[in-house]
């Protein structure tokens, strides 16, 4: 493919162009091979401009950068762009034949609910007989083929490569989580979306965004990018729901549980087995639990309708949808208590899950909550997490999540600061997550509920940079004697 073709739609100043044939595109100089185009990005930790020389030594025939290196190599083409990351998105799209334009691509953004909504939309279209793709935190799917996931939203090259695979195998729809990092770092630039969904916005990723305002702007950027023919579907129950729609050119639609909206549901009844909902004046039973899941289902219902499916088609599918792995997953103990594993890793998510459990559990039952916070991440949310967990729990056990490079005891001390002196005396701090789960099971009586929050689908724990196998569901099963 020629460099001119790859740079179509990219604002550039070009030097030494000529007829340059490019064999592949890379932004990691270590992956450059003879014939590569190297895009020098200014990353969070590393500046790719420092590796232009290395890329050329490995055979790069063209360089895209924000400024020229001091020395220009002969027979190498250079293109100067205002933003390398934004250019990479468009270049990757051009390299793979702009696959997003051959799919009905819908993006989902927000603090909580992205994985559930994207996955359930994927399952909905599959159930309706259409080949579909999924890009999510838990796993990526190219139709039925599973592709391991390493990021909520992959880098621009990997993203377009996966979308190309979807097109080539006949997928008509694709659903993807759009993280705030991805929007801010231009990973989705150059993609063509037919729709965008906003779930909610609460404190998260302050280690990266620094302020809630920056976090909101990153989410909103996705909606500002949507084309005029797309739909923008927002959660009207969230205070930032309408903010997302302020500058979008897309057709505006709303969904809600507590507010009048285009797509509206009421919870008639609920149990640990599911909920009876009134969806736009139709009663349906869904095997999912909680107001947050009722909201997620309304996003799915609304998006499916906006994609052209009939109300009857979508309602039938809703009755068959089950929770995503690690999202309110229940395990019944032989001793008569219930354990719930949930990915809740923000204060708002923890509150929502605890509120849901407390609405359903018996009057004489107790809630035992096991929760931790990740290392090398937003320290400011740690005391808030503990405070929210303590509010609705009868017994709180603070433990490790993924401590990464931090000392687990330091993370627990940060969490304890959110509790009053009396609450601190009643809370248990157990560094080992395995022991914390075992302790919760030993404390539980018949009818009680154990919530193990924070890791959900994850089957690993990162300690001092080393990834160890660890699965909350396996640990619970072992502690219950189910293995």
Protein backbone atom coordinates (compact mmCIF):
# COMPACT_ATOMS: atom_id res chain seq x y z
CA UNK A 1 0.00 0.00 0.00
CA UNK A 2 1.35 3.46 -0.85
CA UNK A 3 2.08 6.04 1.79
CA UNK A 4 -0.24 8.47 -0.03
CA UNK A 5 -3.11 6.02 0.36
CA UNK A 6 -2.38 5.51 4.05
CA UNK A 7 -2.33 9.27 4.67
CA UNK A 8 -5.72 9.89 3.03
CA UNK A 9 -7.74 12.20 5.28
CA UNK A 10 -4.73 13.02 7.48
CA UNK A 11 -3.58 16.65 7.74
CA UNK A 12 0.14 16.51 6.93
CA UNK A 13 3.25 18.36 5.86
CA UNK A 14 5.20 15.89 3.70
CA UNK A 15 8.91 15.60 2.99
CA UNK A 16 10.79 13.27 0.62
CA UNK A 17 7.56 11.53 -0.38
CA UNK A 18 8.00 9.96 -3.79
CA UNK A 19 6.44 6.56 -4.42
CA UNK A 20 6.76 4.86 -1.04
CA UNK A 21 5.36 1.35 -0.59
CA UNK A 22 4.46 0.48 2.99
CA UNK A 23 4.16 -3.13 4.18
CA UNK A 24 2.78 -2.51 7.67
CA UNK A 25 2.11 0.19 10.28
CA UNK A 26 3.67 0.28 13.76
CA UNK A 27 3.79 2.69 16.70
CA UNK A 28 6.10 0.44 18.75
CA UNK A 29 9.63 0.68 17.35
CA UNK A 30 10.41 -2.83 18.63
CA UNK A 31 7.88 -4.26 16.15
CA UNK A 32 9.19 -2.39 13.11
CA UNK A 33 10.35 -4.54 10.19
CA UNK A 34 11.71 -3.60 6.75
CA UNK A 35 9.01 -1.67 4.88
CA UNK A 36 7.17 -0.41 7.97
CA UNK A 37 5.58 2.96 8.51
CA UNK A 38 6.48 4.09 12.03
CA UNK A 39 4.13 6.50 13.80
CA UNK A 40 5.89 8.35 16.62
CA UNK A 41 3.33 8.92 19.37
CA UNK A 42 3.75 10.99 22.50
CA UNK A 43 2.58 8.41 25.04
CA UNK A 44 1.81 8.81 28.73
CA UNK A 45 5.13 7.30 29.80
CA UNK A 46 7.22 7.17 26.60
CA UNK A 47 7.68 9.55 23.66
CA UNK A 48 7.89 7.62 20.38
CA UNK A 49 9.85 10.48 18.82
CA UNK A 50 12.86 9.27 20.81
CA UNK A 51 12.76 5.98 18.89
CA UNK A 52 12.59 7.26 15.32
CA UNK A 53 16.26 6.43 14.80
CA UNK A 54 15.73 2.89 16.09
CA UNK A 55 12.75 2.42 13.77
CA UNK A 56 14.78 3.55 10.76
CA UNK A 57 17.63 1.20 11.69
CA UNK A 58 15.10 -1.67 11.66
CA UNK A 59 13.95 -0.78 8.16
CA UNK A 60 11.17 1.79 8.49
CA UNK A 61 10.63 3.46 5.11
CA UNK A 62 8.34 6.22 6.38
CA UNK A 63 7.90 8.21 9.58
CA UNK A 64 4.81 10.04 10.83
CA UNK A 65 5.63 12.43 13.65
CA UNK A 66 4.67 15.73 15.26
CA UNK A 67 8.12 17.23 14.59
CA UNK A 68 11.13 16.29 12.52
CA UNK A 69 14.18 14.62 14.09
CA UNK A 70 17.42 16.58 14.04
CA UNK A 71 18.86 14.38 11.30
CA UNK A 72 16.84 13.19 8.32
CA UNK A 73 17.68 9.77 6.92
CA UNK A 74 18.01 9.47 3.14
CA UNK A 75 15.37 7.45 1.29
CA UNK A 76 12.97 7.76 4.23
CA UNK A 77 9.69 9.65 3.82
CA UNK A 78 8.53 11.96 6.61
CA UNK A 79 5.02 13.28 7.29
CA UNK A 80 4.50 15.87 10.01
CA UNK A 81 1.06 15.91 11.66
CA UNK A 82 -0.55 18.01 14.42
CA UNK A 83 -1.28 14.90 16.54
CA UNK A 84 0.37 11.55 15.89
CA UNK A 85 -2.17 9.60 17.94
CA UNK A 86 -5.08 11.04 15.93
CA UNK A 87 -3.23 10.36 12.69
CA UNK A 88 -2.55 6.75 13.73
CA UNK A 89 -6.28 6.07 14.04
CA UNK A 90 -6.94 7.24 10.49
CA UNK A 91 -3.83 5.54 9.10
CA UNK A 92 -4.77 2.23 10.76
CA UNK A 93 -8.28 2.53 9.33
CA UNK A 94 -6.89 3.15 5.83
CA UNK A 95 -4.42 0.25 6.16
CA UNK A 96 -7.22 -2.19 6.98
CA UNK A 97 -9.68 -0.82 4.43
CA UNK A 98 -11.72 1.23 6.94
CA UNK A 99 -13.60 -1.81 8.29
CA UNK A 100 -15.81 0.26 10.62
CA UNK A 101 -17.62 1.60 7.55
CA UNK A 102 -18.65 -1.95 6.64
CA UNK A 103 -20.19 -2.67 10.04
CA UNK A 104 -23.01 -1.33 12.17
CA UNK A 105 -20.57 -0.23 14.90
CA UNK A 106 -21.97 0.94 18.26
CA UNK A 107 -19.78 2.31 21.06
CA UNK A 108 -20.63 2.26 24.77
CA UNK A 109 -19.00 4.65 27.22
CA UNK A 110 -19.48 5.53 30.90
CA UNK A 111 -18.02 4.54 34.26
CA UNK A 112 -20.12 1.44 34.93
CA UNK A 113 -22.17 -0.85 32.70
CA UNK A 114 -20.09 -0.71 29.51
CA UNK A 115 -19.19 -4.39 29.47
CA UNK A 116 -22.72 -5.55 30.26
CA UNK A 117 -24.39 -3.37 27.61
CA UNK A 118 -21.90 -4.13 24.84
CA UNK A 119 -21.98 -7.86 25.59
CA UNK A 120 -25.77 -8.06 25.79
CA UNK A 121 -26.11 -6.18 22.48
CA UNK A 122 -23.70 -8.69 20.94
CA UNK A 123 -25.78 -11.56 22.34
CA UNK A 124 -29.01 -9.92 21.17
CA UNK A 125 -27.94 -9.60 17.54
CA UNK A 126 -26.46 -13.10 17.60
CA UNK A 127 -29.76 -14.46 18.94
CA UNK A 128 -31.61 -12.64 16.16
CA UNK A 129 -29.52 -14.52 13.60
CA UNK A 130 -26.83 -11.97 12.72
CA UNK A 131 -23.09 -12.42 12.86
CA UNK A 132 -21.65 -9.86 15.24
CA UNK A 133 -18.42 -8.79 16.88
CA UNK A 134 -17.60 -7.67 20.42
CA UNK A 135 -14.74 -5.60 21.86
CA UNK A 136 -14.91 -5.60 25.65
CA UNK A 137 -12.99 -5.72 28.92
CA UNK A 138 -13.81 -9.39 29.49
CA UNK A 139 -13.21 -10.79 26.01
CA UNK A 140 -13.33 -9.93 22.32
CA UNK A 141 -15.38 -11.96 19.86
CA UNK A 142 -15.13 -12.20 16.09
CA UNK A 143 -18.54 -13.78 15.56
CA UNK A 144 -18.24 -16.96 17.68
CA UNK A 145 -14.44 -16.94 17.90
CA UNK A 146 -13.04 -15.75 21.20
CA UNK A 147 -10.04 -13.39 21.16
CA UNK A 148 -8.39 -12.62 24.54
CA UNK A 149 -8.74 -9.02 25.72
CA UNK A 150 -5.87 -7.01 27.21
CA UNK A 151 -7.47 -3.53 27.31
CA UNK A 152 -11.01 -2.19 27.56
CA UNK A 153 -10.37 -0.54 24.18
CA UNK A 154 -7.38 -1.83 22.15
CA UNK A 155 -4.83 0.41 20.41
CA UNK A 156 -5.86 1.80 17.01
CA UNK A 157 -3.95 -0.81 14.99
CA UNK A 158 -5.24 -3.81 16.96
CA UNK A 159 -8.72 -2.31 16.94
CA UNK A 160 -8.87 -1.94 13.16
CA UNK A 161 -7.30 -5.37 12.68
CA UNK A 162 -10.07 -6.95 14.78
CA UNK A 163 -12.78 -5.00 12.96
CA UNK A 164 -11.27 -6.18 9.66
CA UNK A 165 -11.52 -9.79 10.84
CA UNK A 166 -15.16 -9.20 11.73
CA UNK A 167 -15.92 -7.85 8.27
CA UNK A 168 -14.07 -10.68 6.56
CA UNK A 169 -16.03 -13.35 8.44
CA UNK A 170 -19.36 -11.76 7.58
CA UNK A 171 -20.23 -9.80 10.71
CA UNK A 172 -22.88 -7.12 10.21
CA UNK A 173 -22.78 -5.61 13.70
CA UNK A 174 -20.02 -4.78 16.19
CA UNK A 175 -20.28 -3.47 19.74
CA UNK A 176 -17.38 -2.00 21.65
CA UNK A 177 -16.58 -0.43 24.96
CA UNK A 178 -15.11 3.04 24.56
CA UNK A 179 -12.95 3.82 27.59
CA UNK A 180 -12.09 7.37 28.63
CA UNK A 181 -8.42 6.55 28.01
CA UNK A 182 -9.22 5.46 24.46
CA UNK A 183 -11.18 8.62 23.70
CA UNK A 184 -8.53 10.87 25.24
CA UNK A 185 -5.67 9.06 23.49
CA UNK A 186 -7.40 9.14 20.07
CA UNK A 187 -7.56 5.34 19.75
CA UNK A 188 -11.06 5.62 18.24
CA UNK A 189 -10.18 8.38 15.78
CA UNK A 190 -11.00 7.40 12.23
CA UNK A 191 -13.71 4.92 13.24
CA UNK A 192 -17.24 5.31 11.90
CA UNK A 193 -19.94 4.70 14.50
CA UNK A 194 -23.66 4.30 13.78
CA UNK A 195 -24.44 4.82 17.45
CA UNK A 196 -23.12 5.78 20.87
CA UNK A 197 -24.44 4.92 24.34
CA UNK A 198 -23.71 6.71 27.63
CA UNK A 199 -24.26 4.79 30.88
CA UNK A 200 -23.25 7.01 33.81
CA UNK A 201 -20.33 8.95 35.22
CA UNK A 202 -18.87 8.67 38.70
CA UNK A 203 -15.35 9.06 40.09
CA UNK A 204 -12.81 6.79 38.41
CA UNK A 205 -9.35 6.92 36.79
CA UNK A 206 -8.34 10.10 38.65
CA UNK A 207 -4.75 8.81 38.52
CA UNK A 208 -4.92 9.50 34.77
CA UNK A 209 -7.50 12.28 34.27
CA UNK A 210 -6.69 14.16 37.54
CA UNK A 211 -10.14 15.83 37.68
CA UNK A 212 -13.73 14.68 37.16
CA UNK A 213 -14.09 17.47 34.58
CA UNK A 214 -11.28 16.02 32.47
CA UNK A 215 -12.81 12.56 32.83
CA UNK A 216 -16.18 13.89 31.67
CA UNK A 217 -14.62 15.68 28.70
CA UNK A 218 -12.92 12.47 27.60
CA UNK A 219 -16.26 10.63 27.62
CA UNK A 220 -18.02 13.51 25.90
CA UNK A 221 -15.42 13.62 23.13
CA UNK A 222 -16.84 10.34 21.84
CA UNK A 223 -20.31 11.87 21.42
CA UNK A 224 -18.89 15.02 19.86
CA UNK A 225 -17.29 12.77 17.21
CA UNK A 226 -20.49 10.97 16.19
CA UNK A 227 -21.73 11.69 12.64
CA UNK A 228 -25.10 13.33 12.00
CA UNK A 229 -26.69 10.09 10.77
CA UNK A 230 -25.76 8.17 13.97
CA UNK A 231 -27.80 7.88 17.16
CA UNK A 232 -26.72 9.11 20.60
CA UNK A 233 -28.49 7.26 23.42
CA UNK A 234 -28.02 8.59 26.94
CA UNK A 235 -29.05 7.66 30.48
CA UNK A 236 -31.46 10.35 31.61
CA UNK A 237 -31.22 9.19 35.24
CA UNK A 238 -27.58 10.30 35.36
CA UNK A 239 -26.92 14.00 35.99
CA UNK A 240 -24.39 14.03 33.16
CA UNK A 241 -26.68 12.28 30.71
CA UNK A 242 -27.78 15.39 28.86
CA UNK A 243 -24.29 16.90 29.01
CA UNK A 244 -23.16 14.15 26.65
CA UNK A 245 -25.70 15.28 24.05
CA UNK A 246 -24.93 19.02 24.14
CA UNK A 247 -22.72 19.25 21.05
CA UNK A 248 -23.39 15.98 19.28
CA UNK A 249 -24.60 16.03 15.68
CA UNK A 250 -26.20 12.61 16.13
CA UNK A 251 -29.92 11.94 16.66
CA UNK A 252 -30.61 12.26 20.39
CA UNK A 253 -32.46 9.58 22.39
CA UNK A 254 -32.85 8.78 26.09
CA UNK A 255 -33.45 5.81 28.39
CA UNK A 256 -34.24 5.72 32.11
CA UNK A 257 -35.63 3.88 35.10
CA UNK A 258 -36.61 6.83 37.32
CA UNK A 259 -37.31 9.49 34.68
CA UNK A 260 -39.61 9.82 31.68
CA UNK A 261 -37.59 8.85 28.62
CA UNK A 262 -37.86 7.43 25.11
CA UNK A 263 -37.10 3.97 26.49
CA UNK A 264 -38.41 3.48 30.03
CA UNK A 265 -38.69 0.59 32.50
CA UNK A 266 -40.14 0.12 35.97
CA UNK A 267 -39.16 -2.68 38.34
CA UNK A 268 -42.33 -4.46 39.43
CA UNK A 269 -40.70 -7.21 41.51
CA UNK A 270 -37.23 -8.65 42.07
CA UNK A 271 -35.41 -11.58 43.65
CA UNK A 272 -31.98 -13.18 43.33
CA UNK A 273 -33.41 -15.08 40.33
CA UNK A 274 -34.39 -11.99 38.35
CA UNK A 275 -36.78 -9.05 37.90
CA UNK A 276 -40.27 -8.45 36.61
CA UNK A 277 -40.06 -5.28 34.49
CA UNK A 278 -42.51 -3.03 32.76
CA UNK A 279 -40.71 -2.02 29.57
CA UNK A 280 -42.52 0.64 27.55
CA UNK A 281 -45.85 -0.77 28.86
CA UNK A 282 -44.90 -4.43 28.28
CA UNK A 283 -44.30 -6.79 31.23
CA UNK A 284 -41.28 -9.10 30.97
CA UNK A 285 -39.29 -11.24 33.39
CA UNK A 286 -35.51 -10.97 32.98
CA UNK A 287 -32.97 -13.27 34.71
CA UNK A 288 -30.91 -10.32 35.93
CA UNK A 289 -30.97 -8.37 39.19
CA UNK A 290 -30.71 -4.75 40.33
CA UNK A 291 -31.67 -1.25 39.25
CA UNK A 292 -28.30 -0.89 37.54
CA UNK A 293 -29.07 -3.95 35.42
CA UNK A 294 -32.57 -2.69 34.67
CA UNK A 295 -30.88 0.48 33.41
CA UNK A 296 -28.38 -1.55 31.38
CA UNK A 297 -31.23 -3.52 29.81
CA UNK A 298 -32.97 -0.29 28.82
CA UNK A 299 -29.80 0.80 27.03
CA UNK A 300 -29.78 -2.55 25.22
CA UNK A 301 -33.50 -2.29 24.41
CA UNK A 302 -33.15 1.29 23.16
CA UNK A 303 -30.05 0.62 21.05
CA UNK A 304 -31.59 -2.50 19.49
CA UNK A 305 -34.72 -0.55 18.58
CA UNK A 306 -32.62 2.25 17.08
CA UNK A 307 -30.75 -0.35 15.04
CA UNK A 308 -34.07 -1.27 13.47
CA UNK A 309 -35.24 -4.32 15.39
CA UNK A 310 -38.91 -4.52 16.39
CA UNK A 311 -40.13 -4.11 19.96
CA UNK A 312 -41.42 -7.69 20.00
CA UNK A 313 -38.12 -9.11 18.75
CA UNK A 314 -36.11 -7.31 21.41
CA UNK A 315 -38.46 -8.03 24.33
CA UNK A 316 -38.33 -11.76 23.60
CA UNK A 317 -34.52 -11.67 23.63
CA UNK A 318 -34.43 -9.68 26.90
CA UNK A 319 -36.11 -12.57 28.71
CA UNK A 320 -33.20 -14.85 27.76
CA UNK A 321 -30.23 -12.62 28.63
CA UNK A 322 -28.05 -13.53 31.60
CA UNK A 323 -25.44 -11.52 33.51
CA UNK A 324 -21.98 -11.11 32.02
CA UNK A 325 -19.20 -13.13 33.69
CA UNK A 326 -18.26 -11.58 37.01
CA UNK A 327 -21.24 -9.23 37.08
CA UNK A 328 -23.54 -10.18 39.97
CA UNK A 329 -22.60 -13.85 39.56
CA UNK A 330 -24.20 -15.92 42.33
CA UNK A 331 -22.93 -19.11 44.01
CA UNK A 332 -25.12 -21.06 46.43
CA UNK A 333 -23.42 -22.62 49.44
CA UNK A 334 -24.46 -26.08 50.70
CA UNK A 335 -24.75 -24.39 54.11
CA UNK A 336 -27.59 -22.15 52.89
CA UNK A 337 -25.90 -18.81 52.28
CA UNK A 338 -25.42 -16.99 48.95
CA UNK A 339 -22.18 -15.54 47.59
CA UNK A 340 -22.09 -12.89 44.88
CA UNK A 341 -19.03 -12.02 42.79
CA UNK A 342 -19.12 -8.62 41.13
CA UNK A 343 -16.64 -6.45 39.24
CA UNK A 344 -17.72 -3.36 41.20
CA UNK A 345 -14.47 -1.40 41.58
CA UNK A 346 -15.74 2.17 41.97
CA UNK A 347 -17.58 3.66 44.97
CA UNK A 348 -20.78 4.08 42.95
CA UNK A 349 -20.67 0.51 41.63
CA UNK A 350 -20.12 -0.89 45.13
CA UNK A 351 -23.04 1.17 46.43
CA UNK A 352 -25.31 -0.02 43.61
CA UNK A 353 -24.53 -3.70 44.18
CA UNK A 354 -24.94 -3.43 47.96
CA UNK A 355 -28.23 -1.53 47.57
CA UNK A 356 -29.50 -4.24 45.23
CA UNK A 357 -28.57 -7.02 47.66
CA UNK A 358 -30.19 -5.18 50.56
CA UNK A 359 -33.43 -4.72 48.61
CA UNK A 360 -33.66 -8.48 48.05
CA UNK A 361 -32.13 -10.28 51.04
CA UNK A 362 -34.25 -11.51 53.92
CA UNK A 363 -34.89 -9.35 56.96
CA UNK A 364 -32.92 -11.72 59.23
CA UNK A 365 -29.99 -12.22 56.87
CA UNK A 366 -26.68 -10.39 57.07
CA UNK A 367 -24.47 -8.95 54.32
CA UNK A 368 -20.74 -9.68 54.58
CA UNK A 369 -18.73 -7.60 52.10
CA UNK A 370 -15.19 -8.41 50.96
CA UNK A 371 -13.59 -5.57 49.00
CA UNK A 372 -10.23 -4.01 48.17
CA UNK A 373 -8.69 -1.36 45.93
CA UNK A 374 -6.07 -1.67 43.21
CA UNK A 375 -2.51 -0.48 43.63
CA UNK A 376 -0.91 2.21 41.41
CA UNK A 377 -4.36 3.66 40.79
CA UNK A 378 -6.49 6.55 42.09
CA UNK A 379 -5.73 6.70 45.84
CA UNK A 380 -8.48 9.23 46.43
CA UNK A 381 -11.25 6.70 45.91
CA UNK A 382 -9.92 4.23 48.49
CA UNK A 383 -11.49 5.78 51.62
CA UNK A 384 -14.70 6.41 49.65
CA UNK A 385 -14.87 2.74 48.62
CA UNK A 386 -14.54 1.62 52.24
CA UNK A 387 -17.13 4.15 53.41
CA UNK A 388 -19.70 3.03 50.82
CA UNK A 389 -19.05 -0.64 51.53
CA UNK A 390 -19.43 -0.14 55.28
CA UNK A 391 -22.70 1.79 54.95
CA UNK A 392 -24.76 -1.12 53.68
CA UNK A 393 -22.89 -4.09 55.16
CA UNK A 394 -23.26 -5.91 58.45
CA UNK A 395 -19.64 -7.02 58.30
CA UNK A 396 -16.88 -5.44 56.21
CA UNK A 397 -13.66 -7.26 55.32
CA UNK A 398 -11.02 -5.11 53.62
CA UNK A 399 -8.46 -7.04 51.59
CA UNK A 400 -6.11 -6.93 48.61
CA UNK A 401 -7.34 -6.46 45.03
CA UNK A 402 -4.41 -6.11 42.62
CA UNK A 403 -1.79 -4.41 44.81
CA UNK A 404 0.59 -4.18 41.83
CA UNK A 405 3.75 -2.36 43.00
CA UNK A 406 2.30 -1.00 46.25
CA UNK A 407 2.41 -2.57 49.69
CA UNK A 408 -1.03 -4.12 50.35
CA UNK A 409 -1.00 -2.84 53.93
CA UNK A 410 -0.64 0.75 52.67
CA UNK A 411 -3.71 0.35 50.45
CA UNK A 412 -5.74 -1.04 53.36
CA UNK A 413 -4.62 1.85 55.58
CA UNK A 414 -5.83 4.31 52.91
CA UNK A 415 -9.21 2.54 52.83
CA UNK A 416 -9.50 2.58 56.64
CA UNK A 417 -9.25 6.37 56.61
CA UNK A 418 -12.77 6.46 55.20
CA UNK A 419 -14.19 4.82 58.33
CA UNK A 420 -15.02 6.31 61.71
CA UNK A 421 -13.07 5.01 64.75
CA UNK A 422 -16.03 2.82 65.72
CA UNK A 423 -16.32 1.45 62.15
CA UNK A 424 -12.59 0.77 62.06
CA UNK A 425 -12.92 -1.45 65.13
CA UNK A 426 -15.70 -3.44 63.48
CA UNK A 427 -13.98 -3.84 60.11
CA UNK A 428 -11.57 -6.69 59.47
CA UNK A 429 -8.34 -6.11 57.53
CA UNK A 430 -7.02 -9.32 55.96
CA UNK A 431 -4.20 -8.81 53.44
CA UNK A 432 -4.59 -12.22 51.78
CA UNK A 433 -7.65 -12.17 49.53
CA UNK A 434 -7.88 -15.96 49.79
CA UNK A 435 -8.00 -15.77 53.59
CA UNK A 436 -10.49 -12.89 53.45
CA UNK A 437 -12.87 -14.99 51.33
CA UNK A 438 -12.41 -18.01 53.62
CA UNK A 439 -13.13 -15.81 56.65
CA UNK A 440 -16.32 -14.47 55.07
CA UNK A 441 -17.49 -18.05 54.44
CA UNK A 442 -16.69 -19.06 58.03
CA UNK A 443 -18.69 -16.08 59.34
CA UNK A 444 -21.72 -16.67 57.09
CA UNK A 445 -24.84 -18.35 58.43
CA UNK A 446 -27.84 -19.81 56.62
CA UNK A 447 -29.64 -17.03 54.72
CA UNK A 448 -26.68 -14.63 54.76
CA UNK A 449 -25.17 -13.03 51.65
CA UNK A 450 -21.47 -12.61 50.91
CA UNK A 451 -20.41 -9.98 48.38
CA UNK A 452 -16.89 -10.32 46.94
CA UNK A 453 -16.35 -7.13 44.97
CA UNK A 454 -13.70 -5.59 42.74
CA UNK A 455 -12.31 -8.33 40.49
CA UNK A 456 -15.35 -10.01 38.97
CA UNK A 457 -14.28 -11.85 35.80
CA UNK A 458 -10.56 -11.40 36.43
CA UNK A 459 -8.71 -14.66 37.02
CA UNK A 460 -5.44 -13.16 38.22
CA UNK A 461 -3.87 -11.02 40.91
CA UNK A 462 -0.90 -8.73 40.27
CA UNK A 463 1.61 -8.56 43.13
CA UNK A 464 4.97 -6.78 42.73
CA UNK A 465 4.60 -6.84 38.95
CA UNK A 466 3.94 -10.60 38.82
CA UNK A 467 0.58 -11.94 37.63
CA UNK A 468 -0.67 -14.88 39.71
CA UNK A 469 -3.72 -17.01 38.96
CA UNK A 470 -6.56 -15.97 41.27
CA UNK A 471 -10.29 -16.31 40.65
CA UNK A 472 -12.83 -15.13 43.25
CA UNK A 473 -15.35 -17.72 42.04
CA UNK A 474 -12.86 -20.57 42.42
CA UNK A 475 -11.85 -19.33 45.88
CA UNK A 476 -15.48 -19.17 47.00
CA UNK A 477 -16.21 -22.64 45.66
CA UNK A 478 -13.17 -24.03 47.51
CA UNK A 479 -14.14 -22.29 50.75
CA UNK A 480 -17.68 -23.69 50.43
CA UNK A 481 -16.38 -27.20 49.81
CA UNK A 482 -17.79 -27.32 46.29
CA UNK A 483 -14.51 -28.34 44.61
